[in-house]
Amino acid sequence: DRFEGRSSMRTWLHKIATNACLNALESRSRRPLPI
């Protein structure tokens, strides 16, 4: 209800998703493969 359409829906959703991932990665180490 506060989305004002200043960006596209796609950009808005990716901004939310990217910041959610960045927040999650603050407390997680990288995921390796054995090599």
All heavy atoms as atom14 arrays in JSON, in Angstrom:
{
  "sequence": "DRFEGRSSMRTWLHKIATNACLNALESRSRRPLPI",
  "atom14_mask": [
    [1, 1, 1, 1, 1, 1, 1, 1, 0, 0, 0, 0, 0, 0],
    [1, 1, 1, 1, 1, 1, 1, 1, 1, 1, 1, 0, 0, 0],
    [1, 1, 1, 1, 1, 1, 1, 1, 1, 1, 1, 0, 0, 0],
    [1, 1, 1, 1, 1, 1, 1, 1, 1, 0, 0, 0, 0, 0],
    [1, 1, 1, 1, 0, 0, 0, 0, 0, 0, 0, 0, 0, 0],
    [1, 1, 1, 1, 1, 1, 1, 1, 1, 1, 1, 0, 0, 0],
    [1, 1, 1, 1, 1, 1, 0, 0, 0, 0, 0, 0, 0, 0],
    [1, 1, 1, 1, 1, 1, 0, 0, 0, 0, 0, 0, 0, 0],
    [1, 1, 1, 1, 1, 1, 1, 1, 0, 0, 0, 0, 0, 0],
    [1, 1, 1, 1, 1, 1, 1, 1, 1, 1, 1, 0, 0, 0],
    [1, 1, 1, 1, 1, 1, 1, 0, 0, 0, 0, 0, 0, 0],
    [1, 1, 1, 1, 1, 1, 1, 1, 1, 1, 1, 1, 1, 1],
    [1, 1, 1, 1, 1, 1, 1, 1, 0, 0, 0, 0, 0, 0],
    [1, 1, 1, 1, 1, 1, 1, 1, 1, 1, 0, 0, 0, 0],
    [1, 1, 1, 1, 1, 1, 1, 1, 1, 0, 0, 0, 0, 0],
    [1, 1, 1, 1, 1, 1, 1, 1, 0, 0, 0, 0, 0, 0],
    [1, 1, 1, 1, 1, 0, 0, 0, 0, 0, 0, 0, 0, 0],
    [1, 1, 1, 1, 1, 1, 1, 0, 0, 0, 0, 0, 0, 0],
    [1, 1, 1, 1, 1, 1, 1, 1, 0, 0, 0, 0, 0, 0],
    [1, 1, 1, 1, 1, 0, 0, 0, 0, 0, 0, 0, 0, 0],
    [1, 1, 1, 1, 1, 1, 0, 0, 0, 0, 0, 0, 0, 0],
    [1, 1, 1, 1, 1, 1, 1, 1, 0, 0, 0, 0, 0, 0],
    [1, 1, 1, 1, 1, 1, 1, 1, 0, 0, 0, 0, 0, 0],
    [1, 1, 1, 1, 1, 0, 0, 0, 0, 0, 0, 0, 0, 0],
    [1, 1, 1, 1, 1, 1, 1, 1, 0, 0, 0, 0, 0, 0],
    [1, 1, 1, 1, 1, 1, 1, 1, 1, 0, 0, 0, 0, 0],
    [1, 1, 1, 1, 1, 1, 0, 0, 0, 0, 0, 0, 0, 0],
    [1, 1, 1, 1, 1, 1, 1, 1, 1, 1, 1, 0, 0, 0],
    [1, 1, 1, 1, 1, 1, 0, 0, 0, 0, 0, 0, 0, 0],
    [1, 1, 1, 1, 1, 1, 1, 1, 1, 1, 1, 0, 0, 0],
    [1, 1, 1, 1, 1, 1, 1, 1, 1, 1, 1, 0, 0, 0],
    [1, 1, 1, 1, 1, 1, 1, 0, 0, 0, 0, 0, 0, 0],
    [1, 1, 1, 1, 1, 1, 1, 1, 0, 0, 0, 0, 0, 0],
    [1, 1, 1, 1, 1, 1, 1, 0, 0, 0, 0, 0, 0, 0],
    [1, 1, 1, 1, 1, 1, 1, 1, 0, 0, 0, 0, 0, 0]
  ],
  "atom14_positions": [
    [[0.82, -1.22, 0.0], [0.0, 0.0, 0.0], [0.85, 1.27, 0.0], [0.37, 2.36, -0.28], [-0.95, 0.02, 1.2], [-0.22, -0.03, 2.54], [0.97, -0.43, 2.56], [-0.85, 0.3, 3.56], [0.0, 0.0, 0.0], [0.0, 0.0, 0.0], [0.0, 0.0, 0.0], [0.0, 0.0, 0.0], [0.0, 0.0, 0.0], [0.0, 0.0, 0.0]],
    [[2.16, 1.11, 0.3], [3.07, 2.26, 0.28], [3.95, 2.28, -0.97], [4.8, 3.14, -1.12], [3.97, 2.24, 1.53], [3.16, 2.32, 2.83], [4.05, 2.56, 4.03], [5.02, 1.48, 4.25], [4.73, 0.35, 4.89], [3.5, 0.14, 5.38], [5.65, -0.59, 5.07], [0.0, 0.0, 0.0], [0.0, 0.0, 0.0], [0.0, 0.0, 0.0]],
    [[3.75, 1.28, -1.85], [4.5, 1.24, -3.1], [3.96, 2.32, -4.03], [2.81, 2.3, -4.46], [4.37, -0.13, -3.75], [5.02, -0.24, -5.11], [6.36, 0.05, -5.28], [4.27, -0.62, -6.22], [6.96, -0.05, -6.54], [4.86, -0.73, -7.48], [6.2, -0.44, -7.63], [0.0, 0.0, 0.0], [0.0, 0.0, 0.0], [0.0, 0.0, 0.0]],
    [[4.8, 3.28, -4.35], [4.35, 4.46, -5.09], [4.65, 4.38, -6.58], [4.38, 5.32, -7.33], [4.99, 5.72, -4.5], [4.59, 5.94, -3.02], [5.33, 7.11, -2.41], [6.27, 7.63, -3.06], [4.97, 7.53, -1.3], [0.0, 0.0, 0.0], [0.0, 0.0, 0.0], [0.0, 0.0, 0.0], [0.0, 0.0, 0.0], [0.0, 0.0, 0.0]],
    [[5.24, 3.29, -7.02], [5.49, 3.13, -8.44], [6.62, 3.98, -8.98], [6.72, 4.2, -10.19], [0.0, 0.0, 0.0], [0.0, 0.0, 0.0], [0.0, 0.0, 0.0], [0.0, 0.0, 0.0], [0.0, 0.0, 0.0], [0.0, 0.0, 0.0], [0.0, 0.0, 0.0], [0.0, 0.0, 0.0], [0.0, 0.0, 0.0], [0.0, 0.0, 0.0]],
    [[7.51, 4.47, -8.08], [8.65, 5.25, -8.58], [9.63, 4.37, -9.33], [10.4, 4.85, -10.14], [9.35, 5.93, -7.4], [8.48, 7.0, -6.73], [9.2, 7.61, -5.54], [8.37, 8.61, -4.88], [8.7, 9.24, -3.75], [9.86, 8.94, -3.17], [7.89, 10.12, -3.22], [0.0, 0.0, 0.0], [0.0, 0.0, 0.0], [0.0, 0.0, 0.0]],
    [[9.63, 3.08, -9.01], [10.4, 2.11, -9.78], [9.43, 1.05, -10.27], [8.26, 1.02, -9.87], [11.49, 1.47, -8.91], [10.89, 0.73, -7.85], [0.0, 0.0, 0.0], [0.0, 0.0, 0.0], [0.0, 0.0, 0.0], [0.0, 0.0, 0.0], [0.0, 0.0, 0.0], [0.0, 0.0, 0.0], [0.0, 0.0, 0.0], [0.0, 0.0, 0.0]],
    [[9.9, 0.15, -11.12], [9.04, -0.93, -11.57], [8.84, -1.94, -10.45], [9.62, -2.0, -9.5], [9.67, -1.62, -12.79], [10.85, -2.31, -12.4], [0.0, 0.0, 0.0], [0.0, 0.0, 0.0], [0.0, 0.0, 0.0], [0.0, 0.0, 0.0], [0.0, 0.0, 0.0], [0.0, 0.0, 0.0], [0.0, 0.0, 0.0], [0.0, 0.0, 0.0]],
    [[7.79, -2.75, -10.58], [7.56, -3.81, -9.62], [8.77, -4.75, -9.56], [9.18, -5.19, -8.48], [6.29, -4.6, -10.0], [6.02, -5.84, -9.17], [5.65, -5.51, -7.44], [3.97, -4.86, -7.58], [0.0, 0.0, 0.0], [0.0, 0.0, 0.0], [0.0, 0.0, 0.0], [0.0, 0.0, 0.0], [0.0, 0.0, 0.0], [0.0, 0.0, 0.0]],
    [[9.33, -5.03, -10.72], [10.49, -5.93, -10.77], [11.66, -5.35, -9.98], [12.3, -6.06, -9.19], [10.9, -6.14, -12.24], [12.09, -7.07, -12.44], [12.29, -7.34, -13.94], [13.39, -8.25, -14.18], [14.53, -7.9, -14.77], [14.7, -6.65, -15.19], [15.49, -8.79, -14.96], [0.0, 0.0, 0.0], [0.0, 0.0, 0.0], [0.0, 0.0, 0.0]],
    [[11.97, -4.09, -10.18], [13.08, -3.46, -9.45], [12.8, -3.45, -7.96], [13.69, -3.73, -7.14], [13.3, -2.03, -9.97], [13.62, -2.07, -11.36], [14.43, -1.35, -9.21], [0.0, 0.0, 0.0], [0.0, 0.0, 0.0], [0.0, 0.0, 0.0], [0.0, 0.0, 0.0], [0.0, 0.0, 0.0], [0.0, 0.0, 0.0], [0.0, 0.0, 0.0]],
    [[11.58, -3.12, -7.59], [11.21, -3.04, -6.17], [11.37, -4.4, -5.5], [11.94, -4.52, -4.41], [9.77, -2.54, -6.07], [9.26, -2.32, -4.68], [9.81, -1.52, -3.73], [8.1, -2.9, -4.1], [9.05, -1.56, -2.58], [7.99, -2.4, -2.78], [7.12, -3.79, -4.57], [6.96, -2.77, -1.92], [6.09, -4.15, -3.72], [6.02, -3.65, -2.41]],
    [[10.89, -5.45, -6.14], [11.0, -6.79, -5.56], [12.46, -7.23, -5.46], [12.88, -7.83, -4.45], [10.23, -7.8, -6.41], [8.7, -7.7, -6.35], [8.08, -8.63, -7.39], [8.18, -8.04, -4.95], [0.0, 0.0, 0.0], [0.0, 0.0, 0.0], [0.0, 0.0, 0.0], [0.0, 0.0, 0.0], [0.0, 0.0, 0.0], [0.0, 0.0, 0.0]],
    [[13.26, -6.93, -6.48], [14.67, -7.32, -6.41], [15.42, -6.53, -5.36], [16.37, -7.05, -4.75], [15.33, -7.15, -7.79], [15.12, -8.33, -8.69], [13.97, -8.51, -9.42], [15.9, -9.42, -8.95], [14.07, -9.64, -10.11], [15.21, -10.2, -9.84], [0.0, 0.0, 0.0], [0.0, 0.0, 0.0], [0.0, 0.0, 0.0], [0.0, 0.0, 0.0]],
    [[15.03, -5.3, -5.13], [15.66, -4.53, -4.06], [15.36, -5.17, -2.7], [16.26, -5.34, -1.87], [15.17, -3.08, -4.08], [15.79, -2.23, -2.98], [15.39, -0.77, -3.09], [16.09, 0.05, -2.01], [15.78, 1.5, -2.14], [0.0, 0.0, 0.0], [0.0, 0.0, 0.0], [0.0, 0.0, 0.0], [0.0, 0.0, 0.0], [0.0, 0.0, 0.0]],
    [[14.11, -5.55, -2.48], [13.75, -6.21, -1.22], [14.5, -7.52, -1.08], [15.06, -7.83, -0.02], [12.22, -6.43, -1.16], [11.48, -5.09, -1.14], [11.86, -7.26, 0.08], [9.97, -5.23, -1.28], [0.0, 0.0, 0.0], [0.0, 0.0, 0.0], [0.0, 0.0, 0.0], [0.0, 0.0, 0.0], [0.0, 0.0, 0.0], [0.0, 0.0, 0.0]],
    [[14.53, -8.31, -2.16], [15.19, -9.62, -2.11], [16.68, -9.47, -1.87], [17.27, -10.21, -1.07], [14.93, -10.37, -3.4], [0.0, 0.0, 0.0], [0.0, 0.0, 0.0], [0.0, 0.0, 0.0], [0.0, 0.0, 0.0], [0.0, 0.0, 0.0], [0.0, 0.0, 0.0], [0.0, 0.0, 0.0], [0.0, 0.0, 0.0], [0.0, 0.0, 0.0]],
    [[17.31, -8.53, -2.56], [18.76, -8.34, -2.41], [19.11, -7.95, -1.0], [20.05, -8.49, -0.39], [19.27, -7.29, -3.4], [18.95, -7.69, -4.73], [20.78, -7.12, -3.28], [0.0, 0.0, 0.0], [0.0, 0.0, 0.0], [0.0, 0.0, 0.0], [0.0, 0.0, 0.0], [0.0, 0.0, 0.0], [0.0, 0.0, 0.0], [0.0, 0.0, 0.0]],
    [[18.36, -7.02, -0.43], [18.65, -6.59, 0.94], [18.34, -7.69, 1.95], [19.05, -7.82, 2.96], [17.88, -5.31, 1.26], [18.53, -4.09, 0.62], [19.59, -3.65, 1.03], [17.89, -3.55, -0.41], [0.0, 0.0, 0.0], [0.0, 0.0, 0.0], [0.0, 0.0, 0.0], [0.0, 0.0, 0.0], [0.0, 0.0, 0.0], [0.0, 0.0, 0.0]],
    [[17.33, -8.51, 1.68], [17.06, -9.66, 2.56], [18.23, -10.64, 2.52], [18.65, -11.18, 3.55], [15.77, -10.35, 2.14], [0.0, 0.0, 0.0], [0.0, 0.0, 0.0], [0.0, 0.0, 0.0], [0.0, 0.0, 0.0], [0.0, 0.0, 0.0], [0.0, 0.0, 0.0], [0.0, 0.0, 0.0], [0.0, 0.0, 0.0], [0.0, 0.0, 0.0]],
    [[18.78, -10.86, 1.33], [19.95, -11.74, 1.2], [21.16, -11.15, 1.91], [21.91, -11.88, 2.6], [20.27, -11.98, -0.27], [19.09, -13.03, -1.14], [0.0, 0.0, 0.0], [0.0, 0.0, 0.0], [0.0, 0.0, 0.0], [0.0, 0.0, 0.0], [0.0, 0.0, 0.0], [0.0, 0.0, 0.0], [0.0, 0.0, 0.0], [0.0, 0.0, 0.0]],
    [[21.4, -9.86, 1.74], [22.54, -9.22, 2.39], [22.41, -9.31, 3.91], [23.4, -9.57, 4.61], [22.65, -7.76, 1.96], [23.08, -7.53, 0.5], [22.99, -6.06, 0.13], [24.48, -8.05, 0.26], [0.0, 0.0, 0.0], [0.0, 0.0, 0.0], [0.0, 0.0, 0.0], [0.0, 0.0, 0.0], [0.0, 0.0, 0.0], [0.0, 0.0, 0.0]],
    [[21.21, -9.14, 4.42], [21.0, -9.27, 5.87], [21.27, -10.7, 6.32], [21.89, -10.93, 7.37], [19.57, -8.87, 6.24], [19.33, -7.38, 6.09], [20.27, -6.58, 6.13], [18.08, -6.99, 5.91], [0.0, 0.0, 0.0], [0.0, 0.0, 0.0], [0.0, 0.0, 0.0], [0.0, 0.0, 0.0], [0.0, 0.0, 0.0], [0.0, 0.0, 0.0]],
    [[20.8, -11.67, 5.54], [21.01, -13.07, 5.89], [22.49, -13.43, 5.89], [22.96, -14.21, 6.72], [20.24, -13.97, 4.94], [0.0, 0.0, 0.0], [0.0, 0.0, 0.0], [0.0, 0.0, 0.0], [0.0, 0.0, 0.0], [0.0, 0.0, 0.0], [0.0, 0.0, 0.0], [0.0, 0.0, 0.0], [0.0, 0.0, 0.0], [0.0, 0.0, 0.0]],
    [[23.24, -12.87, 4.93], [24.65, -13.21, 4.81], [25.52, -12.61, 5.91], [26.67, -13.01, 6.08], [25.17, -12.76, 3.44], [24.66, -13.59, 2.24], [24.99, -12.89, 0.93], [25.27, -14.98, 2.27], [0.0, 0.0, 0.0], [0.0, 0.0, 0.0], [0.0, 0.0, 0.0], [0.0, 0.0, 0.0], [0.0, 0.0, 0.0], [0.0, 0.0, 0.0]],
    [[24.97, -11.65, 6.66], [25.73, -11.08, 7.77], [26.07, -12.12, 8.82], [27.09, -12.02, 9.51], [24.94, -9.93, 8.42], [24.86, -8.68, 7.56], [24.06, -7.59, 8.23], [23.55, -7.82, 9.36], [23.93, -6.5, 7.63], [0.0, 0.0, 0.0], [0.0, 0.0, 0.0], [0.0, 0.0, 0.0], [0.0, 0.0, 0.0], [0.0, 0.0, 0.0]],
    [[25.22, -13.14, 8.95], [25.42, -14.15, 9.99], [25.77, -15.52, 9.42], [25.72, -16.52, 10.13], [24.17, -14.26, 10.87], [23.04, -14.61, 10.08], [0.0, 0.0, 0.0], [0.0, 0.0, 0.0], [0.0, 0.0, 0.0], [0.0, 0.0, 0.0], [0.0, 0.0, 0.0], [0.0, 0.0, 0.0], [0.0, 0.0, 0.0], [0.0, 0.0, 0.0]],
    [[26.12, -15.58, 8.13], [26.4, -16.86, 7.51], [27.74, -16.81, 6.79], [28.09, -15.8, 6.19], [25.31, -17.24, 6.5], [23.91, -17.27, 7.09], [22.88, -17.66, 6.05], [21.54, -17.32, 6.5], [20.43, -17.6, 5.84], [20.52, -18.24, 4.69], [19.24, -17.25, 6.3], [0.0, 0.0, 0.0], [0.0, 0.0, 0.0], [0.0, 0.0, 0.0]],
    [[28.47, -17.91, 6.87], [29.71, -18.01, 6.12], [29.41, -18.44, 4.69], [28.31, -18.9, 4.39], [30.65, -19.03, 6.79], [30.01, -20.29, 6.87], [0.0, 0.0, 0.0], [0.0, 0.0, 0.0], [0.0, 0.0, 0.0], [0.0, 0.0, 0.0], [0.0, 0.0, 0.0], [0.0, 0.0, 0.0], [0.0, 0.0, 0.0], [0.0, 0.0, 0.0]],
    [[30.39, -18.29, 3.81], [30.17, -18.69, 2.42], [30.0, -20.19, 2.33], [30.5, -20.95, 3.15], [31.34, -18.24, 1.56], [32.65, -18.97, 1.82], [33.74, -18.48, 0.85], [35.02, -19.14, 1.1], [35.37, -20.29, 0.54], [34.55, -20.9, -0.29], [36.54, -20.84, 0.8], [0.0, 0.0, 0.0], [0.0, 0.0, 0.0], [0.0, 0.0, 0.0]],
    [[29.3, -20.65, 1.3], [29.06, -22.07, 1.07], [30.1, -22.59, 0.08], [30.07, -22.22, -1.09], [27.64, -22.3, 0.53], [26.55, -22.13, 1.59], [25.19, -22.38, 1.0], [24.16, -22.39, 2.03], [23.73, -23.47, 2.67], [24.25, -24.65, 2.37], [22.79, -23.4, 3.59], [0.0, 0.0, 0.0], [0.0, 0.0, 0.0], [0.0, 0.0, 0.0]],
    [[31.0, -23.45, 0.52], [32.04, -23.96, -0.38], [31.66, -25.3, -1.0], [30.67, -25.94, -0.64], [33.23, -24.14, 0.56], [32.56, -24.6, 1.85], [31.22, -23.87, 1.91], [0.0, 0.0, 0.0], [0.0, 0.0, 0.0], [0.0, 0.0, 0.0], [0.0, 0.0, 0.0], [0.0, 0.0, 0.0], [0.0, 0.0, 0.0], [0.0, 0.0, 0.0]],
    [[32.46, -25.73, -1.95], [32.57, -27.11, -2.36], [33.9, -27.63, -1.85], [34.81, -26.83, -1.56], [32.49, -27.22, -3.88], [31.1, -26.99, -4.5], [31.2, -26.9, -6.02], [30.13, -28.09, -4.1], [0.0, 0.0, 0.0], [0.0, 0.0, 0.0], [0.0, 0.0, 0.0], [0.0, 0.0, 0.0], [0.0, 0.0, 0.0], [0.0, 0.0, 0.0]],
    [[34.09, -28.93, -1.74], [35.35, -29.45, -1.2], [36.6, -28.91, -1.89], [37.6, -28.61, -1.23], [35.21, -30.97, -1.37], [33.74, -31.2, -1.25], [33.1, -30.02, -1.92], [0.0, 0.0, 0.0], [0.0, 0.0, 0.0], [0.0, 0.0, 0.0], [0.0, 0.0, 0.0], [0.0, 0.0, 0.0], [0.0, 0.0, 0.0], [0.0, 0.0, 0.0]],
    [[36.55, -28.77, -3.23], [37.73, -28.28, -3.94], [38.06, -26.84, -3.56], [39.19, -26.39, -3.75], [37.53, -28.41, -5.47], [38.86, -28.24, -6.2], [36.47, -27.44, -5.97], [38.79, -28.5, -7.7], [0.0, 0.0, 0.0], [0.0, 0.0, 0.0], [0.0, 0.0, 0.0], [0.0, 0.0, 0.0], [0.0, 0.0, 0.0], [0.0, 0.0, 0.0]]
  ]
}
